[in-house]
Amino acid sequence: MKKIFSVALGLFWVFANALSAQQPAVTHPNTSEPGWLNLFKDDLSDAIFPKGIWTVAGAVITASKDETIYSEKSYNNFILDLEFKNAKGTNSGVFVHASDLADNVPNSVEIQICDDFYPEWANSPPDWHCASIFGHQPPVKSLVKHPGEWNHYTISCIGRKIWVVLNGELVNQCDMSLFTSAKKNPDGTPIPEWLDKPMAEISLKGHIGLQGKHAGAPIFFRNIKIKEL
């Protein structure tokens, strides 16, 4: 009986530890702890992007054109932590679950980065605002800082669920499995026509991407860290 109890207890702790390791970040983590790695090498030599578009200066990366930079490695369950800085009119994003780089937009999920103070974006649909699951689900509040100030993002992807922490607060929680249509979201709002694959059908194992100089305004990133779960 003692042996059976011991084995059962051991299995319980293995299961409990496995569940603990799969917990999302609901605040910004300490990325100096074990398990955290840089998403890219300092010189971007392990990143996928058109030559000459993305550059590094003072540990800050930016792009000269609207081209996305992708991780060389594909990920499934992870926590991504980074800082970004908008310019006036910035419209960028973080792509997760990007399984097809030749046809990225419908085959990934974009966590939006946006200058919500810019009139064109401020007046856009709520699910286009910063920290939205772009085209699908808006954040519960707007916490993005003014252009020129650094923002802190923590994005957790576990199974078909996504959590987004912006500047210290959990502002979005999304269950991809509920988004079974390519036309309308569960709340009835329309989905942009270029997102023609339901989120519920998107492959989970994929690259992580950062969108470049989209809509004519630059975007800046630094301290990009990842922890696989």
Protein backbone atom coordinates (compact mmCIF):
# COMPACT_ATOMS: atom_id res chain seq x y z
CA MET A 1 0.00 0.00 0.00
CA LYS A 2 2.81 2.41 0.85
CA LYS A 3 4.44 1.72 -2.51
CA ILE A 4 1.19 2.36 -4.37
CA PHE A 5 0.66 5.60 -2.43
CA SER A 6 4.23 6.69 -3.17
CA VAL A 7 3.83 6.03 -6.89
CA ALA A 8 0.47 7.86 -6.94
CA LEU A 9 1.96 10.82 -5.09
CA GLY A 10 4.86 10.92 -7.52
CA LEU A 11 2.51 10.92 -10.51
CA PHE A 12 0.46 13.68 -8.89
CA TRP A 13 3.50 15.92 -8.53
CA VAL A 14 4.62 15.23 -12.09
CA PHE A 15 1.14 16.19 -13.32
CA ALA A 16 1.00 19.24 -11.05
CA ASN A 17 4.42 20.45 -12.21
CA ALA A 18 3.41 19.96 -15.83
CA LEU A 19 0.30 22.08 -15.28
CA SER A 20 2.32 24.72 -13.46
CA ALA A 21 4.78 24.91 -16.34
CA GLN A 22 1.87 25.65 -18.70
CA GLN A 23 0.57 28.70 -16.84
CA PRO A 24 0.27 31.99 -18.76
CA ALA A 25 1.85 35.24 -17.63
CA VAL A 26 -0.81 37.58 -16.24
CA THR A 27 1.77 40.21 -15.38
CA HIS A 28 5.22 40.97 -16.77
CA PRO A 29 7.69 38.21 -15.85
CA ASN A 30 11.27 38.41 -14.65
CA THR A 31 13.10 37.42 -17.83
CA SER A 32 16.42 37.09 -15.99
CA GLU A 33 15.15 33.85 -14.45
CA PRO A 34 16.08 30.42 -15.91
CA GLY A 35 14.33 29.35 -19.09
CA TRP A 36 14.30 32.72 -20.82
CA LEU A 37 16.22 33.14 -24.08
CA ASN A 38 16.65 35.87 -26.68
CA LEU A 39 14.28 35.40 -29.60
CA PHE A 40 17.03 36.60 -31.98
CA LYS A 41 20.80 36.74 -31.82
CA ASP A 42 22.20 40.22 -31.23
CA ASP A 43 23.18 40.54 -34.89
CA LEU A 44 19.92 39.00 -36.20
CA SER A 45 21.93 36.29 -37.94
CA ASP A 46 19.39 33.64 -36.96
CA ALA A 47 16.34 35.66 -38.05
CA ILE A 48 14.41 35.35 -41.32
CA PHE A 49 13.90 38.65 -43.18
CA PRO A 50 14.79 40.25 -46.53
CA LYS A 51 18.42 41.33 -46.52
CA GLY A 52 19.04 44.93 -45.53
CA ILE A 53 15.54 45.67 -44.19
CA TRP A 54 15.97 45.12 -40.44
CA THR A 55 18.88 46.70 -38.58
CA VAL A 56 20.19 46.88 -35.02
CA ALA A 57 21.43 50.00 -33.26
CA GLY A 58 22.02 50.13 -29.52
CA ALA A 59 20.14 46.83 -29.01
CA VAL A 60 17.05 48.32 -30.71
CA ILE A 61 15.80 46.77 -33.95
CA THR A 62 13.76 48.53 -36.62
CA ALA A 63 12.87 48.11 -40.28
CA SER A 64 13.14 50.42 -43.27
CA LYS A 65 10.23 48.79 -45.13
CA ASP A 66 7.01 46.88 -44.49
CA GLU A 67 8.70 43.49 -44.15
CA THR A 68 8.26 41.11 -41.23
CA ILE A 69 11.17 39.59 -39.33
CA TYR A 70 10.59 36.00 -38.21
CA SER A 71 12.17 33.66 -35.72
CA GLU A 72 14.15 30.89 -37.37
CA LYS A 73 12.60 28.40 -34.97
CA SER A 74 8.94 27.42 -34.78
CA TYR A 75 7.17 27.48 -31.42
CA ASN A 76 3.96 26.15 -29.96
CA ASN A 77 3.43 26.89 -26.26
CA PHE A 78 5.44 29.88 -25.05
CA ILE A 79 5.58 33.25 -23.33
CA LEU A 80 7.00 36.15 -25.35
CA ASP A 81 8.18 39.30 -23.61
CA LEU A 82 9.32 42.45 -25.40
CA GLU A 83 9.31 46.23 -25.48
CA PHE A 84 8.12 48.34 -28.40
CA LYS A 85 8.06 52.03 -29.22
CA ASN A 86 5.65 53.63 -31.65
CA ALA A 87 6.18 56.64 -33.86
CA LYS A 88 3.30 58.90 -34.85
CA GLY A 89 0.88 56.75 -36.86
CA THR A 90 2.58 53.39 -36.22
CA ASN A 91 0.56 50.33 -37.20
CA SER A 92 2.50 47.13 -36.58
CA GLY A 93 2.06 43.83 -34.80
CA VAL A 94 3.40 40.60 -33.37
CA PHE A 95 2.58 37.48 -35.37
CA VAL A 96 2.28 34.16 -33.56
CA HIS A 97 1.52 30.67 -34.92
CA ALA A 98 2.91 31.73 -38.33
CA SER A 99 3.03 28.35 -40.07
CA ASP A 100 3.27 29.56 -43.69
CA LEU A 101 5.70 32.42 -44.24
CA ALA A 102 4.82 32.63 -47.94
CA ASP A 103 1.18 33.34 -47.00
CA ASN A 104 1.57 34.62 -43.47
CA VAL A 105 -1.44 36.83 -42.76
CA PRO A 106 -4.25 34.22 -42.94
CA ASN A 107 -1.99 31.54 -41.45
CA SER A 108 -1.09 33.33 -38.23
CA VAL A 109 -2.58 35.42 -35.45
CA GLU A 110 -1.58 39.07 -35.06
CA ILE A 111 -1.43 40.81 -31.72
CA GLN A 112 -1.80 44.39 -32.82
CA ILE A 113 0.64 47.21 -32.13
CA CYS A 114 -0.80 50.61 -32.91
CA ASP A 115 -0.60 54.31 -32.16
CA ASP A 116 -4.11 54.55 -30.75
CA PHE A 117 -3.71 58.34 -30.46
CA TYR A 118 -3.43 58.74 -34.24
CA PRO A 119 -6.85 59.77 -35.61
CA GLU A 120 -6.98 57.19 -38.40
CA TRP A 121 -6.30 54.30 -36.02
CA ALA A 122 -8.25 55.78 -33.10
CA ASN A 123 -11.34 55.80 -35.32
CA SER A 124 -10.76 52.30 -36.64
CA PRO A 125 -12.73 49.27 -35.32
CA PRO A 126 -11.92 48.36 -31.69
CA ASP A 127 -10.33 45.08 -32.80
CA TRP A 128 -7.74 47.11 -34.73
CA HIS A 129 -6.51 48.90 -31.59
CA CYS A 130 -3.30 48.18 -29.72
CA ALA A 131 -3.33 44.84 -27.84
CA SER A 132 -6.23 43.53 -29.90
CA ILE A 133 -6.20 40.12 -31.50
CA PHE A 134 -6.26 41.91 -34.83
CA GLY A 135 -9.57 41.68 -36.67
CA HIS A 136 -11.05 39.44 -34.01
CA GLN A 137 -11.10 40.68 -30.41
CA PRO A 138 -10.37 44.12 -28.91
CA PRO A 139 -8.54 44.69 -25.62
CA VAL A 140 -10.58 45.52 -22.54
CA LYS A 141 -8.86 48.90 -22.36
CA SER A 142 -6.28 51.02 -24.20
CA LEU A 143 -3.00 51.25 -22.32
CA VAL A 144 -0.55 52.02 -25.10
CA LYS A 145 1.69 55.00 -24.40
CA HIS A 146 2.17 58.04 -26.59
CA PRO A 147 4.56 57.82 -29.54
CA GLY A 148 8.18 58.01 -28.45
CA GLU A 149 7.61 56.15 -25.17
CA TRP A 150 8.52 52.50 -24.59
CA ASN A 151 5.74 49.96 -24.02
CA HIS A 152 5.99 46.51 -22.45
CA TYR A 153 4.22 43.49 -24.00
CA THR A 154 3.93 39.97 -22.60
CA ILE A 155 2.12 37.48 -24.82
CA SER A 156 1.34 33.93 -23.68
CA CYS A 157 0.27 31.26 -26.16
CA ILE A 158 -0.86 27.95 -24.68
CA GLY A 159 -2.87 25.61 -26.85
CA ARG A 160 -5.51 27.70 -28.60
CA LYS A 161 -5.54 30.40 -25.95
CA ILE A 162 -3.72 33.74 -25.98
CA TRP A 163 -3.14 36.18 -23.12
CA VAL A 164 -1.87 39.73 -23.68
CA VAL A 165 -0.35 41.90 -20.94
CA LEU A 166 0.35 45.52 -21.91
CA ASN A 167 2.15 47.92 -19.59
CA GLY A 168 1.40 45.93 -16.47
CA GLU A 169 -2.20 44.86 -17.05
CA LEU A 170 -3.85 41.82 -18.60
CA VAL A 171 -5.89 43.45 -21.36
CA ASN A 172 -6.85 40.55 -23.63
CA GLN A 173 -7.66 36.86 -23.26
CA CYS A 174 -8.67 34.99 -26.40
CA ASP A 175 -9.80 31.43 -27.04
CA MET A 176 -9.04 30.78 -30.71
CA SER A 177 -11.28 27.69 -30.75
CA LEU A 178 -14.37 29.91 -30.50
CA PHE A 179 -13.56 31.70 -33.78
CA THR A 180 -14.94 29.13 -36.23
CA SER A 181 -15.96 31.55 -39.02
CA ALA A 182 -13.87 33.49 -41.51
CA LYS A 183 -16.66 36.04 -41.95
CA LYS A 184 -17.88 36.99 -38.47
CA ASN A 185 -16.46 36.91 -34.97
CA PRO A 186 -18.44 35.32 -32.11
CA ASP A 187 -19.68 38.80 -31.12
CA GLY A 188 -21.05 39.37 -34.63
CA THR A 189 -18.45 41.87 -35.81
CA PRO A 190 -17.05 41.37 -39.33
CA ILE A 191 -13.62 39.86 -39.91
CA PRO A 192 -11.34 41.60 -42.46
CA GLU A 193 -11.58 39.74 -45.76
CA TRP A 194 -7.85 39.04 -45.88
CA LEU A 195 -8.12 36.93 -42.71
CA ASP A 196 -9.85 34.17 -44.66
CA LYS A 197 -8.99 31.23 -42.38
CA PRO A 198 -10.89 30.78 -39.10
CA MET A 199 -8.63 31.12 -36.06
CA ALA A 200 -9.98 27.78 -34.85
CA GLU A 201 -8.29 26.12 -37.85
CA ILE A 202 -4.90 27.83 -37.72
CA SER A 203 -1.93 25.55 -37.10
CA LEU A 204 -0.43 26.22 -33.67
CA LYS A 205 3.22 25.37 -34.31
CA GLY A 206 4.77 28.30 -36.13
CA HIS A 207 7.26 31.12 -36.29
CA ILE A 208 7.03 34.38 -34.35
CA GLY A 209 7.15 37.56 -36.43
CA LEU A 210 7.42 41.30 -35.89
CA GLN A 211 5.87 43.54 -38.52
CA GLY A 212 8.08 46.24 -39.99
CA LYS A 213 7.45 49.78 -41.24
CA HIS A 214 3.78 49.38 -42.07
CA ALA A 215 1.54 52.27 -43.18
CA GLY A 216 4.60 54.50 -43.55
CA ALA A 217 5.43 54.81 -39.84
CA PRO A 218 8.36 53.05 -38.13
CA ILE A 219 8.27 50.70 -35.15
CA PHE A 220 11.08 49.91 -32.70
CA PHE A 221 11.66 46.77 -30.61
CA ARG A 222 14.08 45.78 -27.87
CA ASN A 223 14.57 43.16 -25.13
CA ILE A 224 12.76 40.42 -27.06
CA LYS A 225 12.74 37.30 -24.90
CA ILE A 226 10.97 33.95 -25.08
CA LYS A 227 10.31 31.08 -22.70
CA GLU A 228 9.02 27.80 -24.08
CA LEU A 229 6.44 25.98 -21.97
